Amino acid sequence: MPQVTHNELQVLAYRDPLTGLGNRHRLREKVRALVSERAEDPAPFTIGIANLDGFKPINDLFGSQAGDEILCQVAHRLKACIPDGATVTRHEGDEFAFLLPLVFEKTSAERIGLMIREVLSAPYDLGDRNVRLSASFGFAIYPFAGEEFDELLKSAETALYRSKRRGRGQITVYSREIAQEMKRSTQLEQALRNAIMADAVDVHFQPIVRIRDGSVVGFEALARWIDADLGFVSPAVFVPLAEERGFIDALSETLLRKAAEAALSWPRELFLSFNLSSAQLMDPTTAPTILATLARVGLDPVRLELEITETAVMTSADTAERIIAELRQAGVRISLDDFGTGQSSLGRLRDFTFDKVKIDRAFVSRITTDRASEHIVKAIIAMCDGLDLQVVAEGIEEKADAEKLKALGCSMGQGYFYGRPVDAAATLAYLERNYRDFTVTAHEIA
């Protein structure tokens, strides 16, 4: 057996065996050499990290051999497109890194990112099929983002993480502001996890009324969180955070349980409306979890209405369709939220079975001042009437809005004109004032 020389061992230690690119050790060596070379006349340079978006599902679907072929094609493209004097390496999995000695500032780094993103977005040939992928990027500029390799790499990873949080195909250049933003986000995440475990995230309820006479027909459950240190935290901040960090199921289950328990004290003919996230519409366990929660509380599924957005449905249409079918079979009704703001709402109405459509507040708020908004709302109402779908107008804040919707034949509405979101006890008080023959016992208020 031939002896392996020291040089050959060193090559193996610095080389990625799949793609032939250098590895993390090679990048470290190159960065240290560049810093040493410029020691007497320091000049900025940039390192970057690219991560393929959606690579794991493709790897799982087509197999690891196809995944390896894609990674080799990515490596080939990167070697061909990086600037002269630059180095490209592969780290673990679907992550690649670059050393860009002649990129000195943010704009140039972003320009390089845009160019590489374009190169990587072209279809990948797997023989009998083509697949497309996007990539997200994080860049860090020496010495502002770190003077040592490990610090510089960590800064690039922080920038990449922010890109991934913002969606697919994003490009971020590290800054102290971004580092602070990510730190605050991590602190917020931990506080929210603690709040969920302590059952400290609450539910408020906003009435949904019959427009023709103003009588309440149900309530929408809305998440509310007031932290001892952070104060009021908007659900527009903490709900997406729970979704991004992978614990939306725990948050949603807690909120649904609390909302269902509150609904038990309402008249039986009133429904509970509850929002589902896009992550839940990609999880096959969503329907069983929801039905199990209702069963534990003792709320009849026919009293529950789940609101989903078009964006959530489009994220994973096949899985969403199965979840919706399973829930509807149990008696749960499904409402399409924020209607009119998506890219193909009419297609969603054709492809999925909904019970109700909620007209987005963007149209409702301008119904008395903008002729186009009025016609859009009128058309949605007429279309839903033809499809035998109920309609709710969101964001009704003025009497004039309610009168206009009533004249157009809209059946239901919600908004500050009818009532602001309030907690469970205040909701019972609202019912006592506004619902026929309803009285609240001291036990229910407690």
Protein backbone atom coordinates (compact mmCIF):
# COMPACT_ATOMS: atom_id res chain seq x y z
CA MET A 1 0.00 0.00 0.00
CA PRO A 2 1.56 3.34 -1.06
CA GLN A 3 2.44 5.79 1.70
CA VAL A 4 0.46 9.05 1.85
CA THR A 5 2.84 12.00 1.96
CA HIS A 6 2.53 14.93 4.35
CA ASN A 7 1.61 17.24 1.45
CA GLU A 8 -1.12 14.85 0.30
CA LEU A 9 -2.55 14.68 3.83
CA GLN A 10 -2.55 18.46 3.98
CA VAL A 11 -4.44 18.64 0.66
CA LEU A 12 -7.03 16.17 1.98
CA ALA A 13 -7.42 18.15 5.21
CA TYR A 14 -8.13 21.37 3.31
CA ARG A 15 -10.34 19.95 0.53
CA ASP A 16 -14.02 19.13 0.31
CA PRO A 17 -14.14 15.57 -1.11
CA LEU A 18 -17.49 16.01 -2.94
CA THR A 19 -16.97 19.24 -4.86
CA GLY A 20 -13.18 19.53 -4.91
CA LEU A 21 -13.43 23.02 -3.40
CA GLY A 22 -11.48 24.05 -0.35
CA ASN A 23 -13.21 23.65 3.03
CA ARG A 24 -13.54 25.80 6.17
CA HIS A 25 -9.86 25.14 7.06
CA ARG A 26 -8.81 26.43 3.62
CA LEU A 27 -10.89 29.59 4.09
CA ARG A 28 -9.34 30.19 7.51
CA GLU A 29 -5.83 29.81 6.07
CA LYS A 30 -6.58 32.17 3.18
CA VAL A 31 -8.03 34.84 5.45
CA ARG A 32 -5.07 34.67 7.84
CA ALA A 33 -2.64 34.89 4.94
CA LEU A 34 -4.43 37.95 3.53
CA VAL A 35 -4.43 39.70 6.93
CA SER A 36 -0.72 38.99 7.31
CA GLU A 37 0.02 40.18 3.78
CA ARG A 38 -1.76 43.51 4.43
CA ALA A 39 -0.45 43.96 7.98
CA GLU A 40 1.66 47.03 7.16
CA ASP A 41 -1.00 48.66 4.99
CA PRO A 42 -4.38 47.28 6.20
CA ALA A 43 -7.17 47.37 3.66
CA PRO A 44 -10.72 46.01 3.95
CA PHE A 45 -11.79 42.74 2.36
CA THR A 46 -15.01 40.72 2.50
CA ILE A 47 -16.04 37.19 3.30
CA GLY A 48 -19.47 35.90 2.39
CA ILE A 49 -21.62 32.84 2.98
CA ALA A 50 -24.26 31.49 0.61
CA ASN A 51 -26.91 29.02 1.73
CA LEU A 52 -29.24 27.27 -0.70
CA ASP A 53 -32.94 27.88 0.00
CA GLY A 54 -35.14 24.79 0.02
CA PHE A 55 -32.29 22.33 -0.60
CA LYS A 56 -33.35 19.84 2.09
CA PRO A 57 -36.83 19.14 0.65
CA ILE A 58 -35.28 18.57 -2.79
CA ASN A 59 -32.63 16.30 -1.27
CA ASP A 60 -35.35 14.37 0.57
CA LEU A 61 -37.58 14.16 -2.51
CA PHE A 62 -35.03 13.15 -5.16
CA GLY A 63 -32.44 11.42 -2.95
CA SER A 64 -28.92 12.21 -1.75
CA GLN A 65 -27.35 11.34 -5.11
CA ALA A 66 -29.38 14.07 -6.82
CA GLY A 67 -28.54 16.40 -3.93
CA ASP A 68 -24.82 15.73 -4.38
CA GLU A 69 -25.15 16.42 -8.12
CA ILE A 70 -26.77 19.80 -7.39
CA LEU A 71 -24.00 20.69 -4.92
CA CYS A 72 -21.35 19.84 -7.53
CA GLN A 73 -23.12 22.02 -10.11
CA VAL A 74 -23.32 24.86 -7.58
CA ALA A 75 -19.57 24.53 -6.93
CA HIS A 76 -18.84 24.60 -10.67
CA ARG A 77 -20.92 27.76 -11.17
CA LEU A 78 -19.34 29.51 -8.20
CA LYS A 79 -15.79 28.78 -9.39
CA ALA A 80 -16.73 30.15 -12.83
CA CYS A 81 -18.34 33.39 -11.65
CA ILE A 82 -16.33 34.66 -8.67
CA PRO A 83 -13.95 37.58 -9.39
CA ASP A 84 -10.27 37.08 -10.11
CA GLY A 85 -8.26 36.59 -6.95
CA ALA A 86 -11.32 35.44 -4.95
CA THR A 87 -11.64 32.05 -3.24
CA VAL A 88 -14.75 29.87 -2.95
CA THR A 89 -15.05 27.06 -0.40
CA ARG A 90 -17.72 24.63 0.72
CA HIS A 91 -18.63 24.29 4.37
CA GLU A 92 -20.99 21.61 5.64
CA GLY A 93 -24.20 20.71 3.80
CA ASP A 94 -25.52 23.29 1.35
CA GLU A 95 -23.38 26.18 2.59
CA PHE A 96 -20.61 27.78 0.54
CA ALA A 97 -18.26 30.62 1.48
CA PHE A 98 -16.16 33.22 -0.38
CA LEU A 99 -13.13 35.33 0.30
CA LEU A 100 -13.29 38.53 -1.77
CA PRO A 101 -9.97 40.44 -1.38
CA LEU A 102 -11.02 43.36 -3.61
CA VAL A 103 -14.50 43.98 -2.18
CA PHE A 104 -14.05 46.86 0.26
CA GLU A 105 -17.56 48.11 1.11
CA LYS A 106 -21.26 47.27 1.40
CA THR A 107 -22.44 48.27 -2.10
CA SER A 108 -19.81 46.12 -3.81
CA ALA A 109 -20.63 43.15 -1.56
CA GLU A 110 -24.34 43.49 -2.41
CA ARG A 111 -23.51 43.72 -6.12
CA ILE A 112 -21.47 40.50 -5.91
CA GLY A 113 -24.34 38.86 -4.01
CA LEU A 114 -26.85 39.85 -6.71
CA MET A 115 -24.58 38.47 -9.44
CA ILE A 116 -24.01 35.13 -7.67
CA ARG A 117 -27.71 34.84 -6.81
CA GLU A 118 -28.56 35.23 -10.48
CA VAL A 119 -26.02 32.57 -11.48
CA LEU A 120 -27.34 30.08 -8.91
CA SER A 121 -31.00 30.66 -9.84
CA ALA A 122 -30.71 28.99 -13.27
CA PRO A 123 -32.20 25.44 -13.48
CA TYR A 124 -30.10 22.47 -12.34
CA ASP A 125 -29.99 19.52 -14.72
CA LEU A 126 -30.63 16.16 -13.04
CA GLY A 127 -30.91 14.19 -16.28
CA ASP A 128 -34.61 13.36 -16.39
CA ARG A 129 -35.69 16.59 -14.68
CA ASN A 130 -34.67 20.17 -13.93
CA VAL A 131 -34.97 21.83 -10.53
CA ARG A 132 -34.65 25.47 -9.48
CA LEU A 133 -33.17 26.83 -6.25
CA SER A 134 -32.57 30.26 -4.79
CA ALA A 135 -29.79 31.22 -2.38
CA SER A 136 -29.51 33.56 0.61
CA PHE A 137 -26.34 35.50 1.44
CA GLY A 138 -24.55 37.01 4.41
CA PHE A 139 -21.44 39.21 4.03
CA ALA A 140 -18.95 40.58 6.57
CA ILE A 141 -16.32 43.23 5.87
CA TYR A 142 -12.88 43.19 7.56
CA PRO A 143 -12.00 44.78 9.95
CA PHE A 144 -15.37 46.43 10.78
CA ALA A 145 -17.15 43.09 11.30
CA GLY A 146 -14.21 41.44 13.07
CA GLU A 147 -10.45 41.32 13.02
CA GLU A 148 -10.06 37.59 13.67
CA PHE A 149 -11.29 34.86 11.32
CA ASP A 150 -13.75 33.33 13.80
CA GLU A 151 -15.29 36.71 14.61
CA LEU A 152 -15.52 37.62 10.93
CA LEU A 153 -17.16 34.31 10.07
CA LYS A 154 -19.62 34.66 12.94
CA SER A 155 -20.59 38.11 11.64
CA ALA A 156 -21.20 36.68 8.15
CA GLU A 157 -23.35 33.93 9.72
CA THR A 158 -25.35 36.55 11.65
CA ALA A 159 -25.97 38.41 8.39
CA LEU A 160 -26.96 35.15 6.67
CA TYR A 161 -29.36 34.31 9.49
CA ARG A 162 -31.07 37.67 9.05
CA SER A 163 -31.36 37.02 5.32
CA LYS A 164 -33.00 33.64 5.96
CA ARG A 165 -35.44 35.25 8.38
CA ARG A 166 -36.49 37.78 5.72
CA GLY A 167 -37.31 35.11 3.15
CA ARG A 168 -35.70 33.44 0.15
CA GLY A 169 -32.98 35.00 -1.98
CA GLN A 170 -32.09 37.79 0.46
CA ILE A 171 -28.71 39.52 0.77
CA THR A 172 -27.47 41.07 4.02
CA VAL A 173 -24.18 42.82 4.84
CA TYR A 174 -23.30 42.72 8.53
CA SER A 175 -23.53 45.90 10.61
CA ARG A 176 -23.67 46.63 14.32
CA GLU A 177 -27.33 47.59 13.89
CA ILE A 178 -28.11 44.18 12.42
CA ALA A 179 -26.23 42.48 15.26
CA GLN A 180 -28.31 44.44 17.79
CA GLU A 181 -31.50 43.57 15.91
CA MET A 182 -30.64 39.85 15.99
CA LYS A 183 -29.73 40.06 19.68
CA ARG A 184 -33.08 41.70 20.49
CA SER A 185 -34.85 39.06 18.43
CA THR A 186 -33.16 36.27 20.38
CA GLN A 187 -34.06 37.91 23.70
CA LEU A 188 -37.65 38.33 22.52
CA GLU A 189 -37.76 34.68 21.47
CA GLN A 190 -36.64 33.51 24.92
CA ALA A 191 -39.13 35.78 26.67
CA LEU A 192 -41.94 34.47 24.46
CA ARG A 193 -40.98 30.84 25.07
CA ASN A 194 -41.06 31.54 28.82
CA ALA A 195 -44.43 33.29 28.50
CA ILE A 196 -45.92 30.30 26.68
CA MET A 197 -44.65 27.91 29.37
CA ALA A 198 -46.04 30.23 32.07
CA ASP A 199 -49.39 30.48 30.22
CA ALA A 200 -48.89 34.25 30.13
CA VAL A 201 -49.93 34.90 26.51
CA ASP A 202 -53.57 35.97 26.53
CA VAL A 203 -56.49 35.99 24.08
CA HIS A 204 -58.74 38.96 23.33
CA PHE A 205 -61.94 38.84 21.32
CA GLN A 206 -63.36 41.21 18.68
CA PRO A 207 -67.05 40.94 17.77
CA ILE A 208 -68.19 39.95 14.29
CA VAL A 209 -71.69 41.32 13.65
CA ARG A 210 -74.59 41.03 11.24
CA ILE A 211 -74.43 44.37 9.43
CA ARG A 212 -78.15 44.75 8.77
CA ASP A 213 -78.99 45.02 12.49
CA GLY A 214 -75.63 45.14 14.31
CA SER A 215 -76.27 41.89 16.22
CA VAL A 216 -73.21 39.85 17.22
CA VAL A 217 -72.78 36.46 15.49
CA GLY A 218 -69.30 35.49 16.69
CA PHE A 219 -65.89 36.66 17.85
CA GLU A 220 -62.40 36.57 16.37
CA ALA A 221 -59.70 35.45 18.82
CA LEU A 222 -56.60 37.67 18.78
CA ALA A 223 -53.31 37.01 20.58
CA ARG A 224 -52.14 39.51 23.19
CA TRP A 225 -48.89 39.52 25.16
CA ILE A 226 -47.77 41.99 27.81
CA ASP A 227 -44.31 41.13 29.15
CA ALA A 228 -43.13 42.35 32.57
CA ASP A 229 -39.94 43.82 31.05
CA LEU A 230 -40.85 44.43 27.41
CA GLY A 231 -44.36 45.79 27.95
CA PHE A 232 -46.95 45.30 25.20
CA VAL A 233 -45.55 43.26 22.30
CA SER A 234 -47.53 43.39 19.07
CA PRO A 235 -48.79 40.07 17.67
CA ALA A 236 -47.47 41.31 14.32
CA VAL A 237 -44.03 40.87 15.93
CA PHE A 238 -44.31 37.80 18.16
CA VAL A 239 -46.54 35.56 16.01
CA PRO A 240 -44.16 35.64 12.98
CA LEU A 241 -41.24 35.16 15.40
CA ALA A 242 -42.84 31.98 16.80
CA GLU A 243 -43.38 30.80 13.24
CA GLU A 244 -39.78 31.52 12.18
CA ARG A 245 -38.25 29.89 15.26
CA GLY A 246 -40.41 26.76 15.02
CA PHE A 247 -42.67 26.98 18.07
CA ILE A 248 -45.85 28.37 16.50
CA ASP A 249 -47.59 25.06 17.29
CA ALA A 250 -47.07 25.51 21.03
CA LEU A 251 -48.26 29.12 20.87
CA SER A 252 -51.28 28.32 18.73
CA GLU A 253 -52.32 25.36 20.89
CA THR A 254 -52.20 27.54 24.02
CA LEU A 255 -54.22 30.31 22.38
CA LEU A 256 -56.82 27.94 20.91
CA ARG A 257 -57.31 26.25 24.28
CA LYS A 258 -57.86 29.60 26.01
CA ALA A 259 -60.16 30.85 23.25
CA ALA A 260 -62.23 27.65 23.25
CA GLU A 261 -62.56 27.74 27.04
CA ALA A 262 -63.86 31.32 26.82
CA ALA A 263 -66.29 30.40 24.03
CA LEU A 264 -67.95 27.81 26.28
CA SER A 265 -69.44 30.73 28.27
CA TRP A 266 -71.03 32.31 25.18
CA PRO A 267 -74.44 31.45 23.70
CA ARG A 268 -74.06 28.24 21.69
CA GLU A 269 -75.06 29.85 18.39
CA LEU A 270 -72.04 32.21 18.45
CA PHE A 271 -68.93 31.03 16.60
CA LEU A 272 -65.24 31.38 17.48
CA SER A 273 -62.93 32.56 14.69
CA PHE A 274 -59.23 31.63 15.04
CA ASN A 275 -56.20 32.30 12.81
CA LEU A 276 -53.92 29.59 11.43
CA SER A 277 -50.36 30.35 10.29
CA SER A 278 -48.69 29.22 7.07
CA ALA A 279 -46.40 26.89 9.07
CA GLN A 280 -49.44 25.07 10.47
CA LEU A 281 -50.83 24.57 6.97
CA MET A 282 -47.60 22.73 6.09
CA ASP A 283 -47.82 20.39 9.10
CA PRO A 284 -49.91 17.21 8.64
CA THR A 285 -50.48 17.00 12.43
CA THR A 286 -52.35 20.34 12.50
CA ALA A 287 -55.88 18.98 12.05
CA PRO A 288 -55.59 16.21 14.71
CA THR A 289 -54.00 18.68 17.15
CA ILE A 290 -56.80 21.23 16.71
CA LEU A 291 -59.55 18.61 17.04
CA ALA A 292 -57.88 17.10 20.12
CA THR A 293 -57.70 20.55 21.75
CA LEU A 294 -61.41 21.15 21.09
CA ALA A 295 -62.25 17.71 22.49
CA ARG A 296 -60.30 18.35 25.70
CA VAL A 297 -62.03 21.68 26.23
CA GLY A 298 -65.43 20.37 25.17
CA LEU A 299 -66.14 22.88 22.36
CA ASP A 300 -68.17 21.56 19.43
CA PRO A 301 -66.04 21.78 16.22
CA VAL A 302 -69.02 23.27 14.34
CA ARG A 303 -68.57 26.41 16.45
CA LEU A 304 -64.99 26.91 15.26
CA GLU A 305 -64.06 28.88 12.18
CA LEU A 306 -60.41 28.90 11.09
CA GLU A 307 -59.04 31.89 9.20
CA ILE A 308 -56.26 31.25 6.71
CA THR A 309 -54.56 33.61 4.30
CA GLU A 310 -54.01 32.98 0.62
CA THR A 311 -50.24 33.19 1.13
CA ALA A 312 -50.45 30.43 3.75
CA VAL A 313 -52.44 28.20 1.39
CA MET A 314 -49.98 28.74 -1.46
CA THR A 315 -46.95 27.78 0.65
CA SER A 316 -47.75 24.06 0.48
CA ALA A 317 -51.00 23.65 -1.43
CA ASP A 318 -51.31 19.84 -1.34
CA THR A 319 -50.75 19.56 2.41
CA ALA A 320 -53.02 22.58 3.05
CA GLU A 321 -55.78 20.97 0.99
CA ARG A 322 -55.62 17.76 3.06
CA ILE A 323 -55.64 19.69 6.35
CA ILE A 324 -58.63 21.80 5.26
CA ALA A 325 -60.55 18.72 4.10
CA GLU A 326 -59.91 16.91 7.41
CA LEU A 327 -61.06 19.89 9.46
CA ARG A 328 -64.18 20.53 7.36
CA GLN A 329 -65.13 16.86 7.65
CA ALA A 330 -65.17 17.33 11.44
CA GLY A 331 -67.50 20.33 11.09
CA VAL A 332 -64.93 23.16 11.32
CA ARG A 333 -65.57 26.00 8.88
CA ILE A 334 -62.78 27.64 6.88
CA SER A 335 -62.53 31.33 6.08
CA LEU A 336 -60.20 32.93 3.52
CA ASP A 337 -58.69 35.96 5.26
CA ASP A 338 -57.38 39.23 3.73
CA PHE A 339 -59.19 38.51 0.46
CA GLY A 340 -58.17 40.69 -2.47
CA THR A 341 -54.56 41.29 -1.44
CA GLY A 342 -53.04 38.02 -2.75
CA GLN A 343 -51.78 37.21 -6.22
CA SER A 344 -54.42 34.71 -7.29
CA SER A 345 -57.38 34.85 -4.92
CA LEU A 346 -59.86 33.73 -7.59
CA GLY A 347 -57.77 30.63 -8.22
CA ARG A 348 -57.80 29.82 -4.51
CA LEU A 349 -61.60 30.01 -4.46
CA ARG A 350 -61.74 27.57 -7.35
CA ASP A 351 -59.18 25.10 -5.99
CA PHE A 352 -60.16 25.04 -2.30
CA THR A 353 -63.44 24.69 -0.44
CA PHE A 354 -64.10 27.71 1.77
CA ASP A 355 -67.14 28.68 3.78
CA LYS A 356 -66.45 32.38 4.10
CA VAL A 357 -64.38 35.21 2.66
CA LYS A 358 -63.08 38.19 4.65
CA ILE A 359 -62.62 41.35 2.57
CA ASP A 360 -59.32 42.99 3.46
CA ARG A 361 -59.47 46.25 5.41
CA ALA A 362 -57.41 47.98 2.71
CA PHE A 363 -60.58 48.11 0.55
CA VAL A 364 -63.09 48.57 3.36
CA SER A 365 -61.31 51.59 4.89
CA ARG A 366 -61.61 53.52 1.60
CA ILE A 367 -65.05 52.37 0.52
CA THR A 368 -66.66 55.80 0.96
CA THR A 369 -63.81 57.84 -0.53
CA ASP A 370 -62.38 55.71 -3.33
CA ARG A 371 -64.63 54.64 -6.18
CA ALA A 372 -62.32 51.78 -7.22
CA SER A 373 -62.40 50.30 -3.67
CA GLU A 374 -66.19 50.51 -3.64
CA HIS A 375 -66.45 48.65 -6.96
CA ILE A 376 -63.97 45.99 -5.83
CA VAL A 377 -65.96 45.36 -2.64
CA LYS A 378 -69.22 45.29 -4.62
CA ALA A 379 -67.72 42.76 -7.06
CA ILE A 380 -66.42 40.51 -4.24
CA ILE A 381 -69.83 40.50 -2.55
CA ALA A 382 -71.60 39.63 -5.82
CA MET A 383 -69.09 36.89 -6.64
CA CYS A 384 -69.33 35.32 -3.17
CA ASP A 385 -73.12 35.45 -3.38
CA GLY A 386 -72.91 33.47 -6.62
CA LEU A 387 -70.52 30.95 -5.02
CA ASP A 388 -72.73 30.62 -1.91
CA LEU A 389 -69.96 32.01 0.33
CA GLN A 390 -70.54 34.20 3.36
CA VAL A 391 -68.73 37.56 3.42
CA VAL A 392 -67.20 39.53 6.31
CA ALA A 393 -65.83 43.04 5.82
CA GLU A 394 -62.85 43.78 8.07
CA GLY A 395 -61.73 47.13 9.45
CA ILE A 396 -65.08 48.94 9.70
CA GLU A 397 -64.31 52.06 11.74
CA GLU A 398 -66.99 54.58 10.74
CA LYS A 399 -70.78 54.51 10.59
CA ALA A 400 -70.59 55.62 6.94
CA ASP A 401 -68.52 52.50 6.11
CA ALA A 402 -71.14 50.26 7.74
CA GLU A 403 -74.00 52.02 5.90
CA LYS A 404 -72.23 51.68 2.55
CA LEU A 405 -71.54 47.95 3.13
CA LYS A 406 -75.15 47.43 4.18
CA ALA A 407 -76.33 49.08 0.92
CA LEU A 408 -73.98 46.83 -1.07
CA GLY A 409 -75.45 43.72 0.57
CA CYS A 410 -72.49 42.69 2.73
CA SER A 411 -73.79 40.34 5.41
CA MET A 412 -71.17 40.58 8.19
CA GLY A 413 -68.54 42.96 9.45
CA GLN A 414 -66.02 43.66 12.19
CA GLY A 415 -63.96 46.64 13.26
CA TYR A 416 -63.65 49.35 15.88
CA PHE A 417 -67.09 50.72 14.93
CA TYR A 418 -68.63 47.58 16.45
CA GLY A 419 -66.07 46.88 19.16
CA ARG A 420 -62.36 46.73 19.96
CA PRO A 421 -60.68 43.46 21.01
CA VAL A 422 -61.15 42.88 24.75
CA ASP A 423 -60.36 40.06 27.19
CA ALA A 424 -62.66 37.18 28.06
CA ALA A 425 -64.34 38.89 31.04
CA ALA A 426 -65.00 42.09 29.08
CA THR A 427 -66.39 39.98 26.22
CA LEU A 428 -68.97 38.49 28.60
CA ALA A 429 -69.88 42.00 29.73
CA TYR A 430 -70.25 43.00 26.05
CA LEU A 431 -72.62 40.07 25.49
CA GLU A 432 -74.68 41.01 28.53
CA ARG A 433 -75.14 44.51 27.07
CA ASN A 434 -75.64 43.49 23.44
CA TYR A 435 -77.07 39.98 23.26
CA ARG A 436 -80.70 39.12 23.89
CA ASP A 437 -81.58 37.26 27.11
CA PHE A 438 -77.93 36.77 28.05
CA THR A 439 -76.85 37.10 31.66
CA VAL A 440 -73.42 36.59 33.15
CA THR A 441 -73.02 34.68 36.39
CA ALA A 442 -70.40 35.58 38.96
CA HIS A 443 -68.73 32.22 38.25
CA GLU A 444 -68.36 33.06 34.53
CA ILE A 445 -66.82 36.46 35.30
CA ALA A 446 -64.34 34.83 37.69
